[in-house]
Amino acid sequence: MSQHLESSKGNKDRDVNIIVNARPKKFDGDRISYEEVIELAFPGQFDPNIVYTIAYAGPQTPDGTLVAGQSVAIRNGMKFDVNKTNRS
């Protein structure tokens, strides 16, 4: 399930500057989910008939990918590349 943009933990609540599809974005929290990255990349355009692939890279973070249901700890300057493809 998707996490809310606001963290309820109370510690480390802060905006993190990330890059999504070459566009700077601010995100409040320490982790970001697959669904949240898609919403930042394509606001209001989620389509269940689309396959989304998310690759990320960041400072002091190993490169990786996100799939539905996953989340990743984020740091300032992390980059996310989101691509969508129609299911065939």
PDB file of N, CA and C in Angstrom:
ATOM      1  N   MET A   1       0.827  -1.184   0.000  1.00  0.00           N
ATOM      2  CA  MET A   1       0.000   0.000   0.000  1.00  0.00           C
ATOM      3  C   MET A   1       0.867   1.241   0.000  1.00  0.00           C
ATOM      4  N   SER A   2       0.345   2.299  -0.517  1.00  0.00           N
ATOM      5  CA  SER A   2       1.068   3.555  -0.617  1.00  0.00           C
ATOM      6  C   SER A   2       1.151   4.254   0.730  1.00  0.00           C
ATOM      7  N   GLN A   3       2.309   4.810   1.024  1.00  0.00           N
ATOM      8  CA  GLN A   3       2.451   5.592   2.240  1.00  0.00           C
ATOM      9  C   GLN A   3       1.949   7.003   1.977  1.00  0.00           C
ATOM     10  N   HIS A   4       1.550   7.682   3.041  1.00  0.00           N
ATOM     11  CA  HIS A   4       1.122   9.064   2.899  1.00  0.00           C
ATOM     12  C   HIS A   4       2.344   9.949   2.716  1.00  0.00           C
ATOM     13  N   LEU A   5       2.149  11.105   2.090  1.00  0.00           N
ATOM     14  CA  LEU A   5       3.251  12.022   1.876  1.00  0.00           C
ATOM     15  C   LEU A   5       3.758  12.592   3.196  1.00  0.00           C
ATOM     16  N   GLU A   6       2.961  12.544   4.252  1.00  0.00           N
ATOM     17  CA  GLU A   6       3.393  13.028   5.548  1.00  0.00           C
ATOM     18  C   GLU A   6       3.742  11.847   6.432  1.00  0.00           C
ATOM     19  N   SER A   7       4.867  11.939   7.108  1.00  0.00           N
ATOM     20  CA  SER A   7       5.281  10.876   8.021  1.00  0.00           C
ATOM     21  C   SER A   7       4.638  11.108   9.381  1.00  0.00           C
ATOM     22  N   SER A   8       4.190  10.044  10.018  1.00  0.00           N
ATOM     23  CA  SER A   8       3.574  10.179  11.331  1.00  0.00           C
ATOM     24  C   SER A   8       4.570   9.872  12.444  1.00  0.00           C
ATOM     25  N   LYS A   9       5.816   9.590  12.105  1.00  0.00           N
ATOM     26  CA  LYS A   9       6.802   9.217  13.103  1.00  0.00           C
ATOM     27  C   LYS A   9       7.259  10.405  13.944  1.00  0.00           C
ATOM     28  N   GLY A  10       7.193  11.613  13.386  1.00  0.00           N
ATOM     29  CA  GLY A  10       7.587  12.779  14.146  1.00  0.00           C
ATOM     30  C   GLY A  10       9.072  13.057  14.108  1.00  0.00           C
ATOM     31  N   ASN A  11       9.904  12.070  13.840  1.00  0.00           N
ATOM     32  CA  ASN A  11      11.333  12.324  13.753  1.00  0.00           C
ATOM     33  C   ASN A  11      11.737  12.405  12.293  1.00  0.00           C
ATOM     34  N   LYS A  12      12.599  13.333  11.998  1.00  0.00           N
ATOM     35  CA  LYS A  12      13.139  13.502  10.654  1.00  0.00           C
ATOM     36  C   LYS A  12      12.080  13.904   9.621  1.00  0.00           C
ATOM     37  N   ASP A  13      10.992  14.549  10.037  1.00  0.00           N
ATOM     38  CA  ASP A  13      10.045  15.059   9.046  1.00  0.00           C
ATOM     39  C   ASP A  13      10.706  16.241   8.351  1.00  0.00           C
ATOM     40  N   ARG A  14      10.947  16.132   7.070  1.00  0.00           N
ATOM     41  CA  ARG A  14      11.606  17.193   6.328  1.00  0.00           C
ATOM     42  C   ARG A  14      11.380  16.971   4.850  1.00  0.00           C
ATOM     43  N   ASP A  15      11.501  18.051   4.101  1.00  0.00           N
ATOM     44  CA  ASP A  15      11.423  17.918   2.654  1.00  0.00           C
ATOM     45  C   ASP A  15      12.756  17.403   2.132  1.00  0.00           C
ATOM     46  N   VAL A  16      12.677  16.443   1.236  1.00  0.00           N
ATOM     47  CA  VAL A  16      13.855  15.901   0.572  1.00  0.00           C
ATOM     48  C   VAL A  16      13.759  16.316  -0.887  1.00  0.00           C
ATOM     49  N   ASN A  17      14.841  16.815  -1.431  1.00  0.00           N
ATOM     50  CA  ASN A  17      14.880  17.217  -2.836  1.00  0.00           C
ATOM     51  C   ASN A  17      15.314  16.031  -3.678  1.00  0.00           C
ATOM     52  N   ILE A  18      14.428  15.603  -4.574  1.00  0.00           N
ATOM     53  CA  ILE A  18      14.729  14.483  -5.464  1.00  0.00           C
ATOM     54  C   ILE A  18      14.477  14.921  -6.902  1.00  0.00           C
ATOM     55  N   ILE A  19      14.923  14.111  -7.845  1.00  0.00           N
ATOM     56  CA  ILE A  19      14.715  14.370  -9.274  1.00  0.00           C
ATOM     57  C   ILE A  19      13.880  13.220  -9.830  1.00  0.00           C
ATOM     58  N   VAL A  20      12.745  13.544 -10.450  1.00  0.00           N
ATOM     59  CA  VAL A  20      11.881  12.533 -11.052  1.00  0.00           C
ATOM     60  C   VAL A  20      11.724  12.887 -12.525  1.00  0.00           C
ATOM     61  N   ASN A  21      12.207  12.000 -13.402  1.00  0.00           N
ATOM     62  CA  ASN A  21      12.174  12.250 -14.856  1.00  0.00           C
ATOM     63  C   ASN A  21      12.760  13.627 -15.189  1.00  0.00           C
ATOM     64  N   ALA A  22      13.921  13.902 -14.615  1.00  0.00           N
ATOM     65  CA  ALA A  22      14.705  15.121 -14.867  1.00  0.00           C
ATOM     66  C   ALA A  22      14.051  16.388 -14.315  1.00  0.00           C
ATOM     67  N   ARG A  23      13.022  16.253 -13.477  1.00  0.00           N
ATOM     68  CA  ARG A  23      12.372  17.427 -12.886  1.00  0.00           C
ATOM     69  C   ARG A  23      12.566  17.413 -11.371  1.00  0.00           C
ATOM     70  N   PRO A  24      12.998  18.536 -10.798  1.00  0.00           N
ATOM     71  CA  PRO A  24      13.162  18.586  -9.340  1.00  0.00           C
ATOM     72  C   PRO A  24      11.813  18.500  -8.634  1.00  0.00           C
ATOM     73  N   LYS A  25      11.770  17.721  -7.568  1.00  0.00           N
ATOM     74  CA  LYS A  25      10.553  17.549  -6.767  1.00  0.00           C
ATOM     75  C   LYS A  25      10.944  17.596  -5.298  1.00  0.00           C
ATOM     76  N   LYS A  26      10.013  18.029  -4.457  1.00  0.00           N
ATOM     77  CA  LYS A  26      10.203  17.969  -3.007  1.00  0.00           C
ATOM     78  C   LYS A  26       9.286  16.872  -2.474  1.00  0.00           C
ATOM     79  N   PHE A  27       9.799  16.111  -1.516  1.00  0.00           N
ATOM     80  CA  PHE A  27       9.016  15.037  -0.927  1.00  0.00           C
ATOM     81  C   PHE A  27       9.218  15.068   0.575  1.00  0.00           C
ATOM     82  N   ASP A  28       8.145  14.955   1.341  1.00  0.00           N
ATOM     83  CA  ASP A  28       8.216  14.985   2.796  1.00  0.00           C
ATOM     84  C   ASP A  28       8.258  13.562   3.328  1.00  0.00           C
ATOM     85  N   GLY A  29       9.401  13.161   3.837  1.00  0.00           N
ATOM     86  CA  GLY A  29       9.522  11.831   4.419  1.00  0.00           C
ATOM     87  C   GLY A  29      10.876  11.219   4.158  1.00  0.00           C
ATOM     88  N   ASP A  30      11.090  10.067   4.760  1.00  0.00           N
ATOM     89  CA  ASP A  30      12.358   9.342   4.638  1.00  0.00           C
ATOM     90  C   ASP A  30      12.312   8.226   3.611  1.00  0.00           C
ATOM     91  N   ARG A  31      11.094   7.787   3.247  1.00  0.00           N
ATOM     92  CA  ARG A  31      10.927   6.704   2.274  1.00  0.00           C
ATOM     93  C   ARG A  31       9.898   7.140   1.254  1.00  0.00           C
ATOM     94  N   ILE A  32      10.029   6.610   0.027  1.00  0.00           N
ATOM     95  CA  ILE A  32       9.050   6.886  -1.022  1.00  0.00           C
ATOM     96  C   ILE A  32       8.646   5.557  -1.649  1.00  0.00           C
ATOM     97  N   SER A  33       7.365   5.417  -1.938  1.00  0.00           N
ATOM     98  CA  SER A  33       6.862   4.167  -2.495  1.00  0.00           C
ATOM     99  C   SER A  33       6.798   4.230  -4.023  1.00  0.00           C
ATOM    100  N   TYR A  34       6.671   3.067  -4.593  1.00  0.00           N
ATOM    101  CA  TYR A  34       6.490   2.919  -6.046  1.00  0.00           C
ATOM    102  C   TYR A  34       5.348   3.817  -6.522  1.00  0.00           C
ATOM    103  N   GLU A  35       4.212   3.734  -5.837  1.00  0.00           N
ATOM    104  CA  GLU A  35       3.032   4.503  -6.249  1.00  0.00           C
ATOM    105  C   GLU A  35       3.266   6.005  -6.120  1.00  0.00           C
ATOM    106  N   GLU A  36       3.978   6.425  -5.089  1.00  0.00           N
ATOM    107  CA  GLU A  36       4.255   7.849  -4.897  1.00  0.00           C
ATOM    108  C   GLU A  36       5.179   8.388  -5.984  1.00  0.00           C
ATOM    109  N   VAL A  37       6.156   7.593  -6.403  1.00  0.00           N
ATOM    110  CA  VAL A  37       7.049   8.022  -7.485  1.00  0.00           C
ATOM    111  C   VAL A  37       6.257   8.177  -8.785  1.00  0.00           C
ATOM    112  N   ILE A  38       5.357   7.240  -9.067  1.00  0.00           N
ATOM    113  CA  ILE A  38       4.523   7.340 -10.278  1.00  0.00           C
ATOM    114  C   ILE A  38       3.676   8.602 -10.239  1.00  0.00           C
ATOM    115  N   GLU A  39       3.095   8.908  -9.084  1.00  0.00           N
ATOM    116  CA  GLU A  39       2.262  10.111  -8.961  1.00  0.00           C
ATOM    117  C   GLU A  39       3.089  11.378  -9.189  1.00  0.00           C
ATOM    118  N   LEU A  40       4.339  11.404  -8.721  1.00  0.00           N
ATOM    119  CA  LEU A  40       5.198  12.560  -8.965  1.00  0.00           C
ATOM    120  C   LEU A  40       5.575  12.665 -10.445  1.00  0.00           C
ATOM    121  N   ALA A  41       5.770  11.518 -11.100  1.00  0.00           N
ATOM    122  CA  ALA A  41       6.168  11.514 -12.511  1.00  0.00           C
ATOM    123  C   ALA A  41       5.005  11.854 -13.437  1.00  0.00           C
ATOM    124  N   PHE A  42       3.832  11.302 -13.139  1.00  0.00           N
ATOM    125  CA  PHE A  42       2.651  11.466 -13.993  1.00  0.00           C
ATOM    126  C   PHE A  42       1.436  11.798 -13.125  1.00  0.00           C
ATOM    127  N   PRO A  43       1.351  13.036 -12.598  1.00  0.00           N
ATOM    128  CA  PRO A  43       0.268  13.381 -11.664  1.00  0.00           C
ATOM    129  C   PRO A  43      -1.120  13.102 -12.237  1.00  0.00           C
ATOM    130  N   GLY A  44      -1.908  12.328 -11.489  1.00  0.00           N
ATOM    131  CA  GLY A  44      -3.283  12.050 -11.871  1.00  0.00           C
ATOM    132  C   GLY A  44      -3.464  11.179 -13.094  1.00  0.00           C
ATOM    133  N   GLN A  45      -2.398  10.538 -13.570  1.00  0.00           N
ATOM    134  CA  GLN A  45      -2.483   9.762 -14.806  1.00  0.00           C
ATOM    135  C   GLN A  45      -2.299   8.263 -14.600  1.00  0.00           C
ATOM    136  N   PHE A  46      -2.379   7.763 -13.369  1.00  0.00           N
ATOM    137  CA  PHE A  46      -2.171   6.330 -13.156  1.00  0.00           C
ATOM    138  C   PHE A  46      -3.187   5.532 -13.959  1.00  0.00           C
ATOM    139  N   ASP A  47      -2.718   4.506 -14.642  1.00  0.00           N
ATOM    140  CA  ASP A  47      -3.575   3.661 -15.477  1.00  0.00           C
ATOM    141  C   ASP A  47      -3.181   2.209 -15.244  1.00  0.00           C
ATOM    142  N   PRO A  48      -4.122   1.359 -14.814  1.00  0.00           N
ATOM    143  CA  PRO A  48      -3.783  -0.043 -14.555  1.00  0.00           C
ATOM    144  C   PRO A  48      -3.376  -0.807 -15.812  1.00  0.00           C
ATOM    145  N   ASN A  49      -3.642  -0.253 -16.995  1.00  0.00           N
ATOM    146  CA  ASN A  49      -3.236  -0.910 -18.237  1.00  0.00           C
ATOM    147  C   ASN A  49      -1.828  -0.528 -18.665  1.00  0.00           C
ATOM    148  N   ILE A  50      -1.155   0.231 -17.842  1.00  0.00           N
ATOM    149  CA  ILE A  50       0.207   0.675 -18.135  1.00  0.00           C
ATOM    150  C   ILE A  50       1.171  -0.052 -17.195  1.00  0.00           C
ATOM    151  N   VAL A  51       2.294  -0.503 -17.736  1.00  0.00           N
ATOM    152  CA  VAL A  51       3.369  -1.070 -16.928  1.00  0.00           C
ATOM    153  C   VAL A  51       4.363   0.054 -16.674  1.00  0.00           C
ATOM    154  N   TYR A  52       4.632   0.338 -15.391  1.00  0.00           N
ATOM    155  CA  TYR A  52       5.575   1.384 -15.018  1.00  0.00           C
ATOM    156  C   TYR A  52       6.872   0.738 -14.558  1.00  0.00           C
ATOM    157  N   THR A  53       7.980   1.217 -15.074  1.00  0.00           N
ATOM    158  CA  THR A  53       9.279   0.771 -14.591  1.00  0.00           C
ATOM    159  C   THR A  53       9.970   1.968 -13.951  1.00  0.00           C
ATOM    160  N   ILE A  54      10.525   1.734 -12.768  1.00  0.00           N
ATOM    161  CA  ILE A  54      11.183   2.802 -12.020  1.00  0.00           C
ATOM    162  C   ILE A  54      12.599   2.365 -11.692  1.00  0.00           C
ATOM    163  N   ALA A  55      13.556   3.151 -12.144  1.00  0.00           N
ATOM    164  CA  ALA A  55      14.964   2.948 -11.796  1.00  0.00           C
ATOM    165  C   ALA A  55      15.403   4.149 -10.982  1.00  0.00           C
ATOM    166  N   TYR A  56      16.267   3.919  -9.999  1.00  0.00           N
ATOM    167  CA  TYR A  56      16.751   5.034  -9.193  1.00  0.00           C
ATOM    168  C   TYR A  56      18.247   4.932  -8.962  1.00  0.00           C
ATOM    169  N   ALA A  57      18.832   6.084  -8.699  1.00  0.00           N
ATOM    170  CA  ALA A  57      20.247   6.189  -8.373  1.00  0.00           C
ATOM    171  C   ALA A  57      20.393   7.373  -7.435  1.00  0.00           C
ATOM    172  N   GLY A  58      21.352   7.293  -6.550  1.00  0.00           N
ATOM    173  CA  GLY A  58      21.498   8.414  -5.649  1.00  0.00           C
ATOM    174  C   GLY A  58      22.822   8.427  -4.939  1.00  0.00           C
ATOM    175  N   PRO A  59      23.071   9.567  -4.321  1.00  0.00           N
ATOM    176  CA  PRO A  59      24.306   9.674  -3.550  1.00  0.00           C
ATOM    177  C   PRO A  59      24.271   8.720  -2.362  1.00  0.00           C
ATOM    178  N   GLN A  60      25.312   7.956  -2.182  1.00  0.00           N
ATOM    179  CA  GLN A  60      25.463   7.028  -1.062  1.00  0.00           C
ATOM    180  C   GLN A  60      24.326   6.011  -0.998  1.00  0.00           C
ATOM    181  N   THR A  61      23.733   5.718  -2.156  1.00  0.00           N
ATOM    182  CA  THR A  61      22.656   4.730  -2.242  1.00  0.00           C
ATOM    183  C   THR A  61      22.933   3.843  -3.448  1.00  0.00           C
ATOM    184  N   PRO A  62      22.879   2.517  -3.290  1.00  0.00           N
ATOM    185  CA  PRO A  62      23.071   1.657  -4.469  1.00  0.00           C
ATOM    186  C   PRO A  62      21.954   1.883  -5.487  1.00  0.00           C
ATOM    187  N   ASP A  63      22.295   1.823  -6.764  1.00  0.00           N
ATOM    188  CA  ASP A  63      21.277   1.932  -7.811  1.00  0.00           C
ATOM    189  C   ASP A  63      20.318   0.754  -7.681  1.00  0.00           C
ATOM    190  N   GLY A  64      19.061   0.980  -8.095  1.00  0.00           N
ATOM    191  CA  GLY A  64      18.096  -0.102  -8.003  1.00  0.00           C
ATOM    192  C   GLY A  64      16.839   0.193  -8.777  1.00  0.00           C
ATOM    193  N   THR A  65      15.861  -0.673  -8.596  1.00  0.00           N
ATOM    194  CA  THR A  65      14.554  -0.511  -9.230  1.00  0.00           C
ATOM    195  C   THR A  65      13.474  -0.684  -8.174  1.00  0.00           C
ATOM    196  N   LEU A  66      12.315  -0.098  -8.447  1.00  0.00           N
ATOM    197  CA  LEU A  66      11.150  -0.241  -7.580  1.00  0.00           C
ATOM    198  C   LEU A  66      10.052  -0.947  -8.349  1.00  0.00           C
ATOM    199  N   VAL A  67       9.336  -1.828  -7.673  1.00  0.00           N
ATOM    200  CA  VAL A  67       8.162  -2.471  -8.256  1.00  0.00           C
ATOM    201  C   VAL A  67       6.979  -2.228  -7.326  1.00  0.00           C
ATOM    202  N   ALA A  68       5.780  -2.512  -7.799  1.00  0.00           N
ATOM    203  CA  ALA A  68       4.563  -2.282  -7.023  1.00  0.00           C
ATOM    204  C   ALA A  68       4.695  -2.873  -5.626  1.00  0.00           C
ATOM    205  N   GLY A  69       4.314  -2.074  -4.630  1.00  0.00           N
ATOM    206  CA  GLY A  69       4.356  -2.525  -3.250  1.00  0.00           C
ATOM    207  C   GLY A  69       5.661  -2.250  -2.532  1.00  0.00           C
ATOM    208  N   GLN A  70       6.692  -1.818  -3.246  1.00  0.00           N
ATOM    209  CA  GLN A  70       7.980  -1.540  -2.618  1.00  0.00           C
ATOM    210  C   GLN A  70       8.136  -0.058  -2.321  1.00  0.00           C
ATOM    211  N   SER A  71       9.070   0.234  -1.412  1.00  0.00           N
ATOM    212  CA  SER A  71       9.473   1.603  -1.151  1.00  0.00           C
ATOM    213  C   SER A  71      10.980   1.607  -0.945  1.00  0.00           C
ATOM    214  N   VAL A  72      11.568   2.803  -0.965  1.00  0.00           N
ATOM    215  CA  VAL A  72      13.012   2.920  -0.809  1.00  0.00           C
ATOM    216  C   VAL A  72      13.301   4.146   0.062  1.00  0.00           C
ATOM    217  N   ALA A  73      14.348   4.047   0.880  1.00  0.00           N
ATOM    218  CA  ALA A  73      14.795   5.202   1.654  1.00  0.00           C
ATOM    219  C   ALA A  73      15.355   6.228   0.674  1.00  0.00           C
ATOM    220  N   ILE A  74      15.023   7.499   0.907  1.00  0.00           N
ATOM    221  CA  ILE A  74      15.474   8.526  -0.027  1.00  0.00           C
ATOM    222  C   ILE A  74      16.432   9.489   0.641  1.00  0.00           C
ATOM    223  N   ARG A  75      17.288  10.088  -0.208  1.00  0.00           N
ATOM    224  CA  ARG A  75      18.252  11.099   0.214  1.00  0.00           C
ATOM    225  C   ARG A  75      18.171  12.264  -0.761  1.00  0.00           C
ATOM    226  N   ASN A  76      18.594  13.421  -0.285  1.00  0.00           N
ATOM    227  CA  ASN A  76      18.659  14.577  -1.173  1.00  0.00           C
ATOM    228  C   ASN A  76      19.474  14.228  -2.410  1.00  0.00           C
ATOM    229  N   GLY A  77      18.947  14.590  -3.572  1.00  0.00           N
ATOM    230  CA  GLY A  77      19.668  14.388  -4.819  1.00  0.00           C
ATOM    231  C   GLY A  77      19.417  13.068  -5.514  1.00  0.00           C
ATOM    232  N   MET A  78      18.604  12.184  -4.924  1.00  0.00           N
ATOM    233  CA  MET A  78      18.310  10.920  -5.605  1.00  0.00           C
ATOM    234  C   MET A  78      17.574  11.192  -6.901  1.00  0.00           C
ATOM    235  N   LYS A  79      17.842  10.359  -7.901  1.00  0.00           N
ATOM    236  CA  LYS A  79      17.202  10.492  -9.210  1.00  0.00           C
ATOM    237  C   LYS A  79      16.357   9.263  -9.488  1.00  0.00           C
ATOM    238  N   PHE A  80      15.133   9.508  -9.973  1.00  0.00           N
ATOM    239  CA  PHE A  80      14.203   8.450 -10.347  1.00  0.00           C
ATOM    240  C   PHE A  80      13.833   8.613 -11.802  1.00  0.00           C
ATOM    241  N   ASP A  81      13.948   7.544 -12.573  1.00  0.00           N
ATOM    242  CA  ASP A  81      13.518   7.532 -13.968  1.00  0.00           C
ATOM    243  C   ASP A  81      12.311   6.610 -14.065  1.00  0.00           C
ATOM    244  N   VAL A  82      11.173   7.175 -14.489  1.00  0.00           N
ATOM    245  CA  VAL A  82       9.916   6.422 -14.576  1.00  0.00           C
ATOM    246  C   VAL A  82       9.511   6.341 -16.030  1.00  0.00           C
ATOM    247  N   ASN A  83       9.319   5.128 -16.512  1.00  0.00           N
ATOM    248  CA  ASN A  83       8.867   4.908 -17.896  1.00  0.00           C
ATOM    249  C   ASN A  83       7.574   4.123 -17.859  1.00  0.00           C
ATOM    250  N   LYS A  84       6.717   4.382 -18.849  1.00  0.00           N
ATOM    251  CA  LYS A  84       5.467   3.624 -18.928  1.00  0.00           C
ATOM    252  C   LYS A  84       5.337   3.001 -20.306  1.00  0.00           C
ATOM    253  N   THR A  85       4.757   1.784 -20.314  1.00  0.00           N
ATOM    254  CA  THR A  85       4.565   1.019 -21.533  1.00  0.00           C
ATOM    255  C   THR A  85       3.190   0.394 -21.493  1.00  0.00           C
ATOM    256  N   ASN A  86       2.473   0.427 -22.616  1.00  0.00           N
ATOM    257  CA  ASN A  86       1.170  -0.232 -22.685  1.00  0.00           C
ATOM    258  C   ASN A  86       1.346  -1.740 -22.594  1.00  0.00           C
ATOM    259  N   ARG A  87       0.432  -2.394 -21.887  1.00  0.00           N
ATOM    260  CA  ARG A  87       0.453  -3.866 -21.845  1.00  0.00           C
ATOM    261  C   ARG A  87       0.008  -4.369 -23.217  1.00  0.00           C
ATOM    262  N   SER A  88       0.651  -5.428 -23.693  1.00  0.00           N
ATOM    263  CA  SER A  88       0.245  -5.925 -25.009  1.00  0.00           C
ATOM    264  C   SER A  88      -0.551  -7.191 -24.906  1.00  0.00           C
TER     265      SER A  88
END
